[in-house]
C-alpha cells in the first residue's frame, strides 16, 4: 500500500497541474514529471521516518494549494465556486429584524 506522504504529494502535484492549466490554459508537463520524482523521494523518506515524510508532504500540499497562477490559487478557485450567488446588502445598511 502506498505511503501517506506519497499520496499527499501526488495530490499536491495534481492540484498544481490542474490549477495551472485552468488559469493559464497551458499544459506544463514538467509538473507531473516533477511530482512523480518528488513522490518517489517522499516514499523513500517515509521508509526512513514516516512522520517526517508526512509533515513534509503536508507542507508541499499547503504550498500547492496557495501557489497563484494569473493571480488565483487553488483555494481561491474553490472558494470562488462555493460563494453564494445572492447579493449581500450594501455596507453600512441596517436591516430591520422583528423581535417576536
C-alpha atoms as a PDB file:
ATOM      1  CA  UNK A   1       0.000   0.000   0.000  1.00  0.00           C
ATOM      2  CA  UNK A   2       1.210   3.481  -0.803  1.00  0.00           C
ATOM      3  CA  UNK A   3       2.578   5.623   1.965  1.00  0.00           C
ATOM      4  CA  UNK A   4       0.510   8.544   3.218  1.00  0.00           C
ATOM      5  CA  UNK A   5       3.232  11.040   2.338  1.00  0.00           C
ATOM      6  CA  UNK A   6       3.368   9.743  -1.231  1.00  0.00           C
ATOM      7  CA  UNK A   7      -0.381  10.118  -1.722  1.00  0.00           C
ATOM      8  CA  UNK A   8      -0.384  13.636  -0.259  1.00  0.00           C
ATOM      9  CA  UNK A   9       2.473  14.597  -2.591  1.00  0.00           C
ATOM     10  CA  UNK A  10       0.670  13.175  -5.632  1.00  0.00           C
ATOM     11  CA  UNK A  11      -2.440  15.127  -4.622  1.00  0.00           C
ATOM     12  CA  UNK A  12      -0.394  18.327  -4.346  1.00  0.00           C
ATOM     13  CA  UNK A  13       1.051  17.740  -7.802  1.00  0.00           C
ATOM     14  CA  UNK A  14      -2.401  17.146  -9.231  1.00  0.00           C
ATOM     15  CA  UNK A  15      -3.682  20.347  -7.660  1.00  0.00           C
ATOM     16  CA  UNK A  16      -0.772  22.310  -9.110  1.00  0.00           C
ATOM     17  CA  UNK A  17      -1.144  20.801 -12.575  1.00  0.00           C
ATOM     18  CA  UNK A  18      -4.906  21.357 -12.775  1.00  0.00           C
ATOM     19  CA  UNK A  19      -4.824  24.856 -11.288  1.00  0.00           C
ATOM     20  CA  UNK A  20      -2.052  25.974 -13.639  1.00  0.00           C
ATOM     21  CA  UNK A  21      -3.886  24.550 -16.654  1.00  0.00           C
ATOM     22  CA  UNK A  22      -7.199  26.108 -15.558  1.00  0.00           C
ATOM     23  CA  UNK A  23      -5.824  29.626 -15.167  1.00  0.00           C
ATOM     24  CA  UNK A  24      -3.113  29.763 -17.854  1.00  0.00           C
ATOM     25  CA  UNK A  25      -4.662  27.402 -20.441  1.00  0.00           C
ATOM     26  CA  UNK A  26      -1.217  25.876 -20.830  1.00  0.00           C
ATOM     27  CA  UNK A  27      -0.363  22.244 -20.097  1.00  0.00           C
ATOM     28  CA  UNK A  28       3.031  22.205 -18.400  1.00  0.00           C
ATOM     29  CA  UNK A  29       4.187  18.585 -18.441  1.00  0.00           C
ATOM     30  CA  UNK A  30       7.127  19.374 -16.174  1.00  0.00           C
ATOM     31  CA  UNK A  31       4.738  19.470 -13.207  1.00  0.00           C
ATOM     32  CA  UNK A  32       3.605  15.795 -13.386  1.00  0.00           C
ATOM     33  CA  UNK A  33       7.176  14.621 -14.023  1.00  0.00           C
ATOM     34  CA  UNK A  34       8.456  16.616 -11.038  1.00  0.00           C
ATOM     35  CA  UNK A  35       5.538  15.335  -8.961  1.00  0.00           C
ATOM     36  CA  UNK A  36       6.410  11.700  -9.673  1.00  0.00           C
ATOM     37  CA  UNK A  37      10.064  12.300  -8.798  1.00  0.00           C
ATOM     38  CA  UNK A  38       9.100  14.117  -5.589  1.00  0.00           C
ATOM     39  CA  UNK A  39       6.606  11.389  -4.656  1.00  0.00           C
ATOM     40  CA  UNK A  40       9.339   8.760  -5.093  1.00  0.00           C
ATOM     41  CA  UNK A  41      11.561  10.810  -2.798  1.00  0.00           C
ATOM     42  CA  UNK A  42       8.781  11.080  -0.238  1.00  0.00           C
ATOM     43  CA  UNK A  43       8.290   7.321  -0.393  1.00  0.00           C
ATOM     44  CA  UNK A  44      11.992   6.771   0.251  1.00  0.00           C
ATOM     45  CA  UNK A  45      11.891   9.244   3.147  1.00  0.00           C
ATOM     46  CA  UNK A  46       8.779   7.546   4.533  1.00  0.00           C
ATOM     47  CA  UNK A  47      10.703   4.284   4.807  1.00  0.00           C
ATOM     48  CA  UNK A  48      13.245   6.088   6.981  1.00  0.00           C
ATOM     49  CA  UNK A  49      10.906   8.308   9.018  1.00  0.00           C
ATOM     50  CA  UNK A  50       7.198   8.184   8.224  1.00  0.00           C
ATOM     51  CA  UNK A  51       6.239  11.108  10.439  1.00  0.00           C
ATOM     52  CA  UNK A  52       8.820  13.457   8.913  1.00  0.00           C
ATOM     53  CA  UNK A  53       7.755  12.471   5.404  1.00  0.00           C
ATOM     54  CA  UNK A  54       4.096  13.125   6.216  1.00  0.00           C
ATOM     55  CA  UNK A  55       4.847  16.535   7.719  1.00  0.00           C
ATOM     56  CA  UNK A  56       6.979  17.493   4.717  1.00  0.00           C
ATOM     57  CA  UNK A  57       4.292  16.335   2.287  1.00  0.00           C
ATOM     58  CA  UNK A  58       1.655  18.399   4.102  1.00  0.00           C
ATOM     59  CA  UNK A  59       3.901  21.441   3.691  1.00  0.00           C
ATOM     60  CA  UNK A  60       4.176  20.652  -0.032  1.00  0.00           C
ATOM     61  CA  UNK A  61       0.372  20.378  -0.211  1.00  0.00           C
ATOM     62  CA  UNK A  62      -0.034  23.753   1.509  1.00  0.00           C
ATOM     63  CA  UNK A  63       2.363  25.291  -0.992  1.00  0.00           C
ATOM     64  CA  UNK A  64       0.496  23.748  -3.914  1.00  0.00           C
ATOM     65  CA  UNK A  65      -2.859  24.980  -2.629  1.00  0.00           C
ATOM     66  CA  UNK A  66      -1.629  28.555  -2.256  1.00  0.00           C
ATOM     67  CA  UNK A  67       0.531  28.920  -5.380  1.00  0.00           C
ATOM     68  CA  UNK A  68      -1.031  31.540  -7.635  1.00  0.00           C
ATOM     69  CA  UNK A  69      -1.365  31.361 -11.406  1.00  0.00           C
ATOM     70  CA  UNK A  70      -2.677  34.551 -13.030  1.00  0.00           C
ATOM     71  CA  UNK A  71      -3.464  35.815  -9.540  1.00  0.00           C
ATOM     72  CA  UNK A  72      -5.564  32.802  -8.477  1.00  0.00           C
ATOM     73  CA  UNK A  73      -4.628  29.909  -6.222  1.00  0.00           C
ATOM     74  CA  UNK A  74      -6.440  26.594  -5.894  1.00  0.00           C
ATOM     75  CA  UNK A  75      -8.009  27.844  -2.669  1.00  0.00           C
ATOM     76  CA  UNK A  76      -9.234  30.976  -4.473  1.00  0.00           C
ATOM     77  CA  UNK A  77     -10.783  28.778  -7.167  1.00  0.00           C
ATOM     78  CA  UNK A  78     -12.608  26.580  -4.661  1.00  0.00           C
ATOM     79  CA  UNK A  79     -13.890  29.488  -2.581  1.00  0.00           C
ATOM     80  CA  UNK A  80     -14.997  31.252  -5.772  1.00  0.00           C
ATOM     81  CA  UNK A  81     -17.024  28.214  -6.789  1.00  0.00           C
ATOM     82  CA  UNK A  82     -18.691  27.890  -3.405  1.00  0.00           C
ATOM     83  CA  UNK A  83     -19.673  31.541  -2.982  1.00  0.00           C
ATOM     84  CA  UNK A  84     -23.346  32.265  -2.899  1.00  0.00           C
ATOM     85  CA  UNK A  85     -24.848  33.943  -5.943  1.00  0.00           C
ATOM     86  CA  UNK A  86     -27.146  36.075  -3.792  1.00  0.00           C
ATOM     87  CA  UNK A  87     -26.220  39.684  -3.298  1.00  0.00           C
ATOM     88  CA  UNK A  88     -25.378  40.988   0.113  1.00  0.00           C
ATOM     89  CA  UNK A  89     -26.825  44.225   1.422  1.00  0.00           C
ATOM     90  CA  UNK A  90     -24.568  47.239   0.857  1.00  0.00           C
ATOM     91  CA  UNK A  91     -22.043  48.088   3.531  1.00  0.00           C
ATOM     92  CA  UNK A  92     -23.440  50.306   6.199  1.00  0.00           C
ATOM     93  CA  UNK A  93     -27.056  49.317   5.597  1.00  0.00           C
ATOM     94  CA  UNK A  94     -29.161  48.304   8.546  1.00  0.00           C
ATOM     95  CA  UNK A  95     -31.642  45.508   8.186  1.00  0.00           C
ATOM     96  CA  UNK A  96     -34.732  45.542  10.353  1.00  0.00           C
ATOM     97  CA  UNK A  97     -35.375  42.392  12.307  1.00  0.00           C
ATOM     98  CA  UNK A  98     -38.625  41.970  14.168  1.00  0.00           C
ATOM     99  CA  UNK A  99     -38.423  40.571  17.642  1.00  0.00           C
ATOM    100  CA  UNK A 100     -41.406  38.369  18.342  1.00  0.00           C
END
